[in-house]
């Protein structure tokens, strides 16, 4: 399997994963989807990686599914395989990896591409980016957890309208309605993404992973169940080396040196 559709660079404890099919706006074919899963697995297993950035090469972040693949009989895996073996596993990996995942949206994010971005822990984009739930425009329904995350980010009414109408949402509007964390000026985009990623990579990784698990659980938990889970995780976090270092640094009035343990 060729590795060219996914690029991986590890620098300053940050793994930069780049979707690399710029000639088709980084749309997914089977090879790229499977390679992305393998790359997430490698980042999860690598203790040197303490934060992950997902971005795209060229002018787009990701245009979703490569329609040429699904309209070419000898290439088409079928929608069942595409969902069960491509997109659903990618979403599950993003949400279960115990390291922060930043979506650095560098261009249009459409269809599954938009929803993969929205499944990440922190989403940033520059001011020329747009997001679009493009599914209804070709007679499909949102997948890649779009119907799960979008209403939780922007509210039921707004999410349903975006899904039905296929409206294009600018980066500024996406930030305003809570769809993404932050818009970054284009000329500072790469530098600010790297700064954010390095900041996360030097934070207490174990605690960040636990925060992620708590927010995942909050999607379905009752208040009582969530309080119980918070208590359990807080007791565990208080036993970590990073907690001891954080308290010591606070008392000694110095910058903490977290090791993610």
C-alpha atoms as a PDB file:
ATOM      1  CA  UNK A   1       0.000   0.000   0.000  1.00  0.00           C
ATOM      2  CA  UNK A   2       1.454   3.374  -0.995  1.00  0.00           C
ATOM      3  CA  UNK A   3       2.088   5.871   1.788  1.00  0.00           C
ATOM      4  CA  UNK A   4       1.929   8.933  -0.463  1.00  0.00           C
ATOM      5  CA  UNK A   5      -1.731   9.715   0.197  1.00  0.00           C
ATOM      6  CA  UNK A   6      -0.897  10.395   3.867  1.00  0.00           C
ATOM      7  CA  UNK A   7       2.174  12.306   4.980  1.00  0.00           C
ATOM      8  CA  UNK A   8       3.508  12.096   8.542  1.00  0.00           C
ATOM      9  CA  UNK A   9       6.032  14.393  10.194  1.00  0.00           C
ATOM     10  CA  UNK A  10       6.924  14.286  13.900  1.00  0.00           C
ATOM     11  CA  UNK A  11       8.447  17.424  15.355  1.00  0.00           C
ATOM     12  CA  UNK A  12       8.589  18.840  18.905  1.00  0.00           C
ATOM     13  CA  UNK A  13       6.435  15.964  20.227  1.00  0.00           C
ATOM     14  CA  UNK A  14       3.742  16.802  17.635  1.00  0.00           C
ATOM     15  CA  UNK A  15       2.656  14.443  14.841  1.00  0.00           C
ATOM     16  CA  UNK A  16       1.592  16.358  11.733  1.00  0.00           C
ATOM     17  CA  UNK A  17      -0.678  14.175   9.581  1.00  0.00           C
ATOM     18  CA  UNK A  18      -1.387  15.581   6.118  1.00  0.00           C
ATOM     19  CA  UNK A  19      -4.074  14.319   3.752  1.00  0.00           C
ATOM     20  CA  UNK A  20      -2.158  14.308   0.480  1.00  0.00           C
ATOM     21  CA  UNK A  21      -4.311  13.978  -2.623  1.00  0.00           C
ATOM     22  CA  UNK A  22      -4.338  17.679  -3.582  1.00  0.00           C
ATOM     23  CA  UNK A  23      -5.281  16.998  -7.201  1.00  0.00           C
ATOM     24  CA  UNK A  24      -8.737  15.862  -5.965  1.00  0.00           C
ATOM     25  CA  UNK A  25      -8.945  18.266  -2.994  1.00  0.00           C
ATOM     26  CA  UNK A  26      -7.795  15.477  -0.628  1.00  0.00           C
ATOM     27  CA  UNK A  27     -10.973  13.477  -1.172  1.00  0.00           C
ATOM     28  CA  UNK A  28     -10.902  10.000   0.298  1.00  0.00           C
ATOM     29  CA  UNK A  29     -10.375   6.806  -1.615  1.00  0.00           C
ATOM     30  CA  UNK A  30      -9.954   3.436   0.092  1.00  0.00           C
ATOM     31  CA  UNK A  31      -6.175   3.622   0.157  1.00  0.00           C
ATOM     32  CA  UNK A  32      -6.114   6.996   1.905  1.00  0.00           C
ATOM     33  CA  UNK A  33      -8.805   6.029   4.429  1.00  0.00           C
ATOM     34  CA  UNK A  34      -6.973   2.862   5.472  1.00  0.00           C
ATOM     35  CA  UNK A  35      -3.629   4.621   5.568  1.00  0.00           C
ATOM     36  CA  UNK A  36      -5.041   7.365   7.818  1.00  0.00           C
ATOM     37  CA  UNK A  37      -6.242   4.740  10.290  1.00  0.00           C
ATOM     38  CA  UNK A  38      -2.792   3.127  10.312  1.00  0.00           C
ATOM     39  CA  UNK A  39      -1.180   6.512  10.897  1.00  0.00           C
ATOM     40  CA  UNK A  40      -3.440   7.316  13.855  1.00  0.00           C
ATOM     41  CA  UNK A  41      -2.583   3.903  15.323  1.00  0.00           C
ATOM     42  CA  UNK A  42       1.129   4.605  14.919  1.00  0.00           C
ATOM     43  CA  UNK A  43       0.762   7.994  16.626  1.00  0.00           C
ATOM     44  CA  UNK A  44      -1.169   6.458  19.492  1.00  0.00           C
ATOM     45  CA  UNK A  45       1.527   3.822  20.034  1.00  0.00           C
ATOM     46  CA  UNK A  46       4.414   6.318  19.853  1.00  0.00           C
ATOM     47  CA  UNK A  47       5.094   7.674  23.346  1.00  0.00           C
ATOM     48  CA  UNK A  48       7.123  10.529  21.812  1.00  0.00           C
ATOM     49  CA  UNK A  49       3.932  11.883  20.203  1.00  0.00           C
ATOM     50  CA  UNK A  50       1.893  13.942  22.650  1.00  0.00           C
ATOM     51  CA  UNK A  51      -0.321  15.918  20.248  1.00  0.00           C
ATOM     52  CA  UNK A  52      -1.587  15.381  16.698  1.00  0.00           C
ATOM     53  CA  UNK A  53      -2.394  17.865  13.931  1.00  0.00           C
ATOM     54  CA  UNK A  54      -4.583  16.753  11.014  1.00  0.00           C
ATOM     55  CA  UNK A  55      -4.468  18.986   7.938  1.00  0.00           C
ATOM     56  CA  UNK A  56      -4.566  18.861   4.134  1.00  0.00           C
ATOM     57  CA  UNK A  57      -2.118  19.598   1.332  1.00  0.00           C
ATOM     58  CA  UNK A  58      -2.799  22.153  -1.355  1.00  0.00           C
ATOM     59  CA  UNK A  59      -5.924  24.306  -1.429  1.00  0.00           C
ATOM     60  CA  UNK A  60      -8.330  22.010   0.468  1.00  0.00           C
ATOM     61  CA  UNK A  61      -8.591  20.297   3.812  1.00  0.00           C
ATOM     62  CA  UNK A  62     -10.783  17.493   2.472  1.00  0.00           C
ATOM     63  CA  UNK A  63     -13.637  17.364  -0.024  1.00  0.00           C
ATOM     64  CA  UNK A  64     -15.064  14.139   1.431  1.00  0.00           C
ATOM     65  CA  UNK A  65     -15.498  11.001  -0.633  1.00  0.00           C
ATOM     66  CA  UNK A  66     -13.787  10.649  -4.005  1.00  0.00           C
ATOM     67  CA  UNK A  67     -16.848  10.351  -6.244  1.00  0.00           C
ATOM     68  CA  UNK A  68     -14.756   8.909  -9.063  1.00  0.00           C
ATOM     69  CA  UNK A  69     -14.096   5.878  -6.883  1.00  0.00           C
ATOM     70  CA  UNK A  70     -17.783   5.245  -6.168  1.00  0.00           C
ATOM     71  CA  UNK A  71     -18.837   5.774  -9.786  1.00  0.00           C
ATOM     72  CA  UNK A  72     -16.189   3.472 -11.274  1.00  0.00           C
ATOM     73  CA  UNK A  73     -17.463  -0.125 -11.001  1.00  0.00           C
ATOM     74  CA  UNK A  74     -14.047  -1.761 -10.728  1.00  0.00           C
ATOM     75  CA  UNK A  75     -12.980   0.698  -7.979  1.00  0.00           C
ATOM     76  CA  UNK A  76     -16.212   1.136  -6.017  1.00  0.00           C
ATOM     77  CA  UNK A  77     -16.031  -0.545  -2.574  1.00  0.00           C
ATOM     78  CA  UNK A  78     -19.765   0.110  -1.963  1.00  0.00           C
ATOM     79  CA  UNK A  79     -21.210   2.412   0.670  1.00  0.00           C
ATOM     80  CA  UNK A  80     -21.421  -0.312   3.336  1.00  0.00           C
ATOM     81  CA  UNK A  81     -17.673  -0.910   3.147  1.00  0.00           C
ATOM     82  CA  UNK A  82     -16.913   2.816   2.827  1.00  0.00           C
ATOM     83  CA  UNK A  83     -18.784   3.575   6.041  1.00  0.00           C
ATOM     84  CA  UNK A  84     -17.904   0.504   8.093  1.00  0.00           C
ATOM     85  CA  UNK A  85     -14.255   0.231   7.016  1.00  0.00           C
ATOM     86  CA  UNK A  86     -13.316   3.816   6.139  1.00  0.00           C
ATOM     87  CA  UNK A  87     -15.127   6.660   7.875  1.00  0.00           C
ATOM     88  CA  UNK A  88     -16.568   5.084  11.020  1.00  0.00           C
ATOM     89  CA  UNK A  89     -13.176   3.690  12.132  1.00  0.00           C
ATOM     90  CA  UNK A  90     -11.521   7.073  11.464  1.00  0.00           C
ATOM     91  CA  UNK A  91     -14.059   8.876  13.681  1.00  0.00           C
ATOM     92  CA  UNK A  92     -13.659   6.266  16.425  1.00  0.00           C
ATOM     93  CA  UNK A  93      -9.884   6.607  16.342  1.00  0.00           C
ATOM     94  CA  UNK A  94     -10.046  10.396  16.620  1.00  0.00           C
ATOM     95  CA  UNK A  95     -12.366  10.203  19.610  1.00  0.00           C
ATOM     96  CA  UNK A  96     -10.597   7.376  21.476  1.00  0.00           C
ATOM     97  CA  UNK A  97      -6.926   8.252  21.011  1.00  0.00           C
ATOM     98  CA  UNK A  98      -5.747   9.566  24.385  1.00  0.00           C
ATOM     99  CA  UNK A  99      -3.897  12.506  22.893  1.00  0.00           C
ATOM    100  CA  UNK A 100      -5.297  15.842  21.694  1.00  0.00           C
ATOM    101  CA  UNK A 101      -6.128  15.965  17.985  1.00  0.00           C
ATOM    102  CA  UNK A 102      -6.209  19.374  16.286  1.00  0.00           C
ATOM    103  CA  UNK A 103      -7.930  19.814  12.944  1.00  0.00           C
ATOM    104  CA  UNK A 104      -5.975  22.531  11.145  1.00  0.00           C
ATOM    105  CA  UNK A 105      -8.469  23.289   8.393  1.00  0.00           C
ATOM    106  CA  UNK A 106      -6.424  24.885   5.615  1.00  0.00           C
ATOM    107  CA  UNK A 107      -9.104  24.969   2.906  1.00  0.00           C
ATOM    108  CA  UNK A 108     -12.603  23.792   2.074  1.00  0.00           C
ATOM    109  CA  UNK A 109     -13.945  21.010   4.307  1.00  0.00           C
ATOM    110  CA  UNK A 110     -16.926  19.330   2.668  1.00  0.00           C
ATOM    111  CA  UNK A 111     -19.028  16.251   3.379  1.00  0.00           C
ATOM    112  CA  UNK A 112     -17.101  13.619   5.308  1.00  0.00           C
ATOM    113  CA  UNK A 113     -14.137  16.001   5.285  1.00  0.00           C
ATOM    114  CA  UNK A 114     -16.104  18.556   7.292  1.00  0.00           C
ATOM    115  CA  UNK A 115     -17.340  15.956   9.756  1.00  0.00           C
ATOM    116  CA  UNK A 116     -13.916  14.408  10.299  1.00  0.00           C
ATOM    117  CA  UNK A 117     -12.680  17.905  11.180  1.00  0.00           C
ATOM    118  CA  UNK A 118     -15.584  18.475  13.585  1.00  0.00           C
ATOM    119  CA  UNK A 119     -14.855  15.188  15.359  1.00  0.00           C
ATOM    120  CA  UNK A 120     -11.401  16.464  16.369  1.00  0.00           C
ATOM    121  CA  UNK A 121     -10.740  17.887  19.823  1.00  0.00           C
ATOM    122  CA  UNK A 122      -9.883  21.416  18.687  1.00  0.00           C
ATOM    123  CA  UNK A 123     -10.732  22.836  15.255  1.00  0.00           C
ATOM    124  CA  UNK A 124      -8.977  25.900  13.855  1.00  0.00           C
ATOM    125  CA  UNK A 125      -9.246  27.396  10.369  1.00  0.00           C
ATOM    126  CA  UNK A 126      -8.029  30.428   8.461  1.00  0.00           C
ATOM    127  CA  UNK A 127     -10.416  33.118   7.249  1.00  0.00           C
ATOM    128  CA  UNK A 128     -10.705  31.836   3.661  1.00  0.00           C
ATOM    129  CA  UNK A 129     -11.956  28.384   4.731  1.00  0.00           C
ATOM    130  CA  UNK A 130     -15.527  27.169   4.326  1.00  0.00           C
ATOM    131  CA  UNK A 131     -17.419  24.180   5.712  1.00  0.00           C
ATOM    132  CA  UNK A 132     -20.268  22.495   3.886  1.00  0.00           C
ATOM    133  CA  UNK A 133     -22.555  19.571   4.627  1.00  0.00           C
ATOM    134  CA  UNK A 134     -22.651  18.658   0.943  1.00  0.00           C
ATOM    135  CA  UNK A 135     -24.491  15.340   1.254  1.00  0.00           C
ATOM    136  CA  UNK A 136     -28.056  16.473   0.473  1.00  0.00           C
ATOM    137  CA  UNK A 137     -26.847  18.217  -2.692  1.00  0.00           C
ATOM    138  CA  UNK A 138     -26.241  14.799  -4.267  1.00  0.00           C
ATOM    139  CA  UNK A 139     -29.112  12.956  -2.560  1.00  0.00           C
ATOM    140  CA  UNK A 140     -27.218  11.528   0.431  1.00  0.00           C
ATOM    141  CA  UNK A 141     -27.397  11.951   4.207  1.00  0.00           C
ATOM    142  CA  UNK A 142     -24.600  13.130   6.516  1.00  0.00           C
ATOM    143  CA  UNK A 143     -22.205  10.448   7.725  1.00  0.00           C
ATOM    144  CA  UNK A 144     -18.907  10.419   9.638  1.00  0.00           C
ATOM    145  CA  UNK A 145     -20.832  11.380  12.800  1.00  0.00           C
ATOM    146  CA  UNK A 146     -22.118  14.622  11.320  1.00  0.00           C
ATOM    147  CA  UNK A 147     -25.576  14.046  12.780  1.00  0.00           C
ATOM    148  CA  UNK A 148     -23.950  13.370  16.164  1.00  0.00           C
ATOM    149  CA  UNK A 149     -21.470  16.225  16.565  1.00  0.00           C
ATOM    150  CA  UNK A 150     -23.010  19.045  14.525  1.00  0.00           C
ATOM    151  CA  UNK A 151     -26.225  19.451  16.599  1.00  0.00           C
ATOM    152  CA  UNK A 152     -24.147  19.308  19.778  1.00  0.00           C
ATOM    153  CA  UNK A 153     -21.888  22.056  18.472  1.00  0.00           C
ATOM    154  CA  UNK A 154     -24.385  24.478  16.931  1.00  0.00           C
ATOM    155  CA  UNK A 155     -27.815  23.360  18.161  1.00  0.00           C
ATOM    156  CA  UNK A 156     -30.486  21.112  16.677  1.00  0.00           C
ATOM    157  CA  UNK A 157     -32.277  23.634  14.460  1.00  0.00           C
ATOM    158  CA  UNK A 158     -29.144  25.150  12.937  1.00  0.00           C
ATOM    159  CA  UNK A 159     -27.534  21.744  12.376  1.00  0.00           C
ATOM    160  CA  UNK A 160     -30.592  20.277  10.669  1.00  0.00           C
ATOM    161  CA  UNK A 161     -30.910  23.298   8.395  1.00  0.00           C
ATOM    162  CA  UNK A 162     -27.233  23.105   7.416  1.00  0.00           C
ATOM    163  CA  UNK A 163     -27.593  19.381   6.701  1.00  0.00           C
ATOM    164  CA  UNK A 164     -30.751  19.804   4.624  1.00  0.00           C
ATOM    165  CA  UNK A 165     -29.819  22.960   2.709  1.00  0.00           C
ATOM    166  CA  UNK A 166     -26.126  22.272   2.209  1.00  0.00           C
ATOM    167  CA  UNK A 167     -25.280  25.900   2.989  1.00  0.00           C
ATOM    168  CA  UNK A 168     -21.643  26.958   2.849  1.00  0.00           C
ATOM    169  CA  UNK A 169     -20.436  28.212   6.245  1.00  0.00           C
ATOM    170  CA  UNK A 170     -17.497  30.617   6.348  1.00  0.00           C
ATOM    171  CA  UNK A 171     -14.792  30.187   8.945  1.00  0.00           C
ATOM    172  CA  UNK A 172     -15.895  33.385  10.708  1.00  0.00           C
ATOM    173  CA  UNK A 173     -19.491  32.150  10.872  1.00  0.00           C
ATOM    174  CA  UNK A 174     -18.314  28.719  12.025  1.00  0.00           C
ATOM    175  CA  UNK A 175     -16.458  30.326  14.925  1.00  0.00           C
ATOM    176  CA  UNK A 176     -19.400  32.610  15.753  1.00  0.00           C
ATOM    177  CA  UNK A 177     -21.877  29.711  16.054  1.00  0.00           C
ATOM    178  CA  UNK A 178     -19.491  27.466  17.989  1.00  0.00           C
ATOM    179  CA  UNK A 179     -18.775  25.012  15.182  1.00  0.00           C
ATOM    180  CA  UNK A 180     -15.017  25.567  15.510  1.00  0.00           C
ATOM    181  CA  UNK A 181     -12.678  26.908  18.175  1.00  0.00           C
ATOM    182  CA  UNK A 182     -10.865  29.684  16.356  1.00  0.00           C
ATOM    183  CA  UNK A 183     -10.234  31.512  13.080  1.00  0.00           C
ATOM    184  CA  UNK A 184      -6.567  32.341  12.473  1.00  0.00           C
ATOM    185  CA  UNK A 185      -5.351  34.903   9.900  1.00  0.00           C
ATOM    186  CA  UNK A 186      -4.043  33.147   6.794  1.00  0.00           C
ATOM    187  CA  UNK A 187      -0.565  34.669   6.961  1.00  0.00           C
ATOM    188  CA  UNK A 188      -0.075  33.351  10.531  1.00  0.00           C
ATOM    189  CA  UNK A 189      -1.945  30.076  10.136  1.00  0.00           C
ATOM    190  CA  UNK A 190       0.915  27.560  10.056  1.00  0.00           C
ATOM    191  CA  UNK A 191       2.851  29.308  12.818  1.00  0.00           C
ATOM    192  CA  UNK A 192      -0.178  29.584  15.108  1.00  0.00           C
ATOM    193  CA  UNK A 193      -1.163  25.943  14.513  1.00  0.00           C
ATOM    194  CA  UNK A 194       2.357  24.835  15.430  1.00  0.00           C
ATOM    195  CA  UNK A 195       2.308  27.052  18.534  1.00  0.00           C
ATOM    196  CA  UNK A 196      -1.020  25.583  19.661  1.00  0.00           C
ATOM    197  CA  UNK A 197       0.121  22.013  18.988  1.00  0.00           C
ATOM    198  CA  UNK A 198       3.416  22.455  20.866  1.00  0.00           C
ATOM    199  CA  UNK A 199       1.527  23.992  23.792  1.00  0.00           C
ATOM    200  CA  UNK A 200      -0.724  20.924  23.985  1.00  0.00           C
ATOM    201  CA  UNK A 201       2.250  18.567  23.533  1.00  0.00           C
ATOM    202  CA  UNK A 202       3.874  20.082  26.619  1.00  0.00           C
ATOM    203  CA  UNK A 203       0.785  19.861  28.802  1.00  0.00           C
ATOM    204  CA  UNK A 204      -0.104  16.898  31.075  1.00  0.00           C
ATOM    205  CA  UNK A 205      -1.015  14.394  28.353  1.00  0.00           C
ATOM    206  CA  UNK A 206      -2.591  11.876  30.705  1.00  0.00           C
ATOM    207  CA  UNK A 207      -4.961  14.501  32.081  1.00  0.00           C
ATOM    208  CA  UNK A 208      -5.826  15.704  28.560  1.00  0.00           C
ATOM    209  CA  UNK A 209      -6.683  12.138  27.572  1.00  0.00           C
ATOM    210  CA  UNK A 210      -8.907  11.792  30.616  1.00  0.00           C
ATOM    211  CA  UNK A 211     -10.635  15.099  29.833  1.00  0.00           C
ATOM    212  CA  UNK A 212     -11.333  13.737  26.354  1.00  0.00           C
ATOM    213  CA  UNK A 213     -12.829  10.532  27.788  1.00  0.00           C
ATOM    214  CA  UNK A 214     -15.002  12.544  30.177  1.00  0.00           C
ATOM    215  CA  UNK A 215     -16.383  14.707  27.384  1.00  0.00           C
ATOM    216  CA  UNK A 216     -17.031  11.614  25.252  1.00  0.00           C
ATOM    217  CA  UNK A 217     -18.983  10.037  28.118  1.00  0.00           C
ATOM    218  CA  UNK A 218     -20.941  13.243  28.774  1.00  0.00           C
ATOM    219  CA  UNK A 219     -22.705  12.786  25.424  1.00  0.00           C
ATOM    220  CA  UNK A 220     -24.770   9.959  26.915  1.00  0.00           C
ATOM    221  CA  UNK A 221     -24.304  10.003  30.707  1.00  0.00           C
ATOM    222  CA  UNK A 222     -26.775  11.148  33.310  1.00  0.00           C
ATOM    223  CA  UNK A 223     -25.603  13.885  35.688  1.00  0.00           C
ATOM    224  CA  UNK A 224     -25.105  11.313  38.450  1.00  0.00           C
ATOM    225  CA  UNK A 225     -23.071   9.012  36.203  1.00  0.00           C
ATOM    226  CA  UNK A 226     -20.943  11.927  35.010  1.00  0.00           C
ATOM    227  CA  UNK A 227     -20.240  13.100  38.559  1.00  0.00           C
ATOM    228  CA  UNK A 228     -19.184   9.567  39.493  1.00  0.00           C
ATOM    229  CA  UNK A 229     -16.877   9.375  36.487  1.00  0.00           C
ATOM    230  CA  UNK A 230     -15.360  12.778  37.264  1.00  0.00           C
ATOM    231  CA  UNK A 231     -14.636  11.647  40.820  1.00  0.00           C
ATOM    232  CA  UNK A 232     -12.992   8.434  39.640  1.00  0.00           C
ATOM    233  CA  UNK A 233     -10.835  10.224  37.063  1.00  0.00           C
ATOM    234  CA  UNK A 234      -9.897  13.060  39.413  1.00  0.00           C
ATOM    235  CA  UNK A 235      -8.626  10.599  42.013  1.00  0.00           C
ATOM    236  CA  UNK A 236      -6.582   8.870  39.313  1.00  0.00           C
ATOM    237  CA  UNK A 237      -5.254  12.185  37.939  1.00  0.00           C
ATOM    238  CA  UNK A 238      -4.179  13.233  41.453  1.00  0.00           C
ATOM    239  CA  UNK A 239      -1.865  10.219  41.557  1.00  0.00           C
ATOM    240  CA  UNK A 240      -0.037  11.163  38.348  1.00  0.00           C
ATOM    241  CA  UNK A 241       3.515  12.469  38.116  1.00  0.00           C
ATOM    242  CA  UNK A 242       2.240  15.455  36.145  1.00  0.00           C
ATOM    243  CA  UNK A 243      -0.077  16.493  38.993  1.00  0.00           C
ATOM    244  CA  UNK A 244       2.841  16.369  41.447  1.00  0.00           C
ATOM    245  CA  UNK A 245       4.979  18.398  39.039  1.00  0.00           C
ATOM    246  CA  UNK A 246       2.178  20.906  38.455  1.00  0.00           C
ATOM    247  CA  UNK A 247       1.666  21.533  42.175  1.00  0.00           C
ATOM    248  CA  UNK A 248       5.416  21.741  42.830  1.00  0.00           C
ATOM    249  CA  UNK A 249       5.851  24.235  39.990  1.00  0.00           C
ATOM    250  CA  UNK A 250       2.966  26.355  41.318  1.00  0.00           C
ATOM    251  CA  UNK A 251       4.436  26.454  44.827  1.00  0.00           C
ATOM    252  CA  UNK A 252       7.946  27.144  43.527  1.00  0.00           C
ATOM    253  CA  UNK A 253       6.660  29.806  41.119  1.00  0.00           C
ATOM    254  CA  UNK A 254       8.237  28.203  38.029  1.00  0.00           C
ATOM    255  CA  UNK A 255       7.072  26.770  34.728  1.00  0.00           C
ATOM    256  CA  UNK A 256       6.053  23.099  35.053  1.00  0.00           C
ATOM    257  CA  UNK A 257       7.894  20.417  33.118  1.00  0.00           C
ATOM    258  CA  UNK A 258       5.140  17.912  32.309  1.00  0.00           C
ATOM    259  CA  UNK A 259       6.169  14.519  30.921  1.00  0.00           C
ATOM    260  CA  UNK A 260       2.700  13.186  30.125  1.00  0.00           C
ATOM    261  CA  UNK A 261       2.776  10.597  32.940  1.00  0.00           C
END
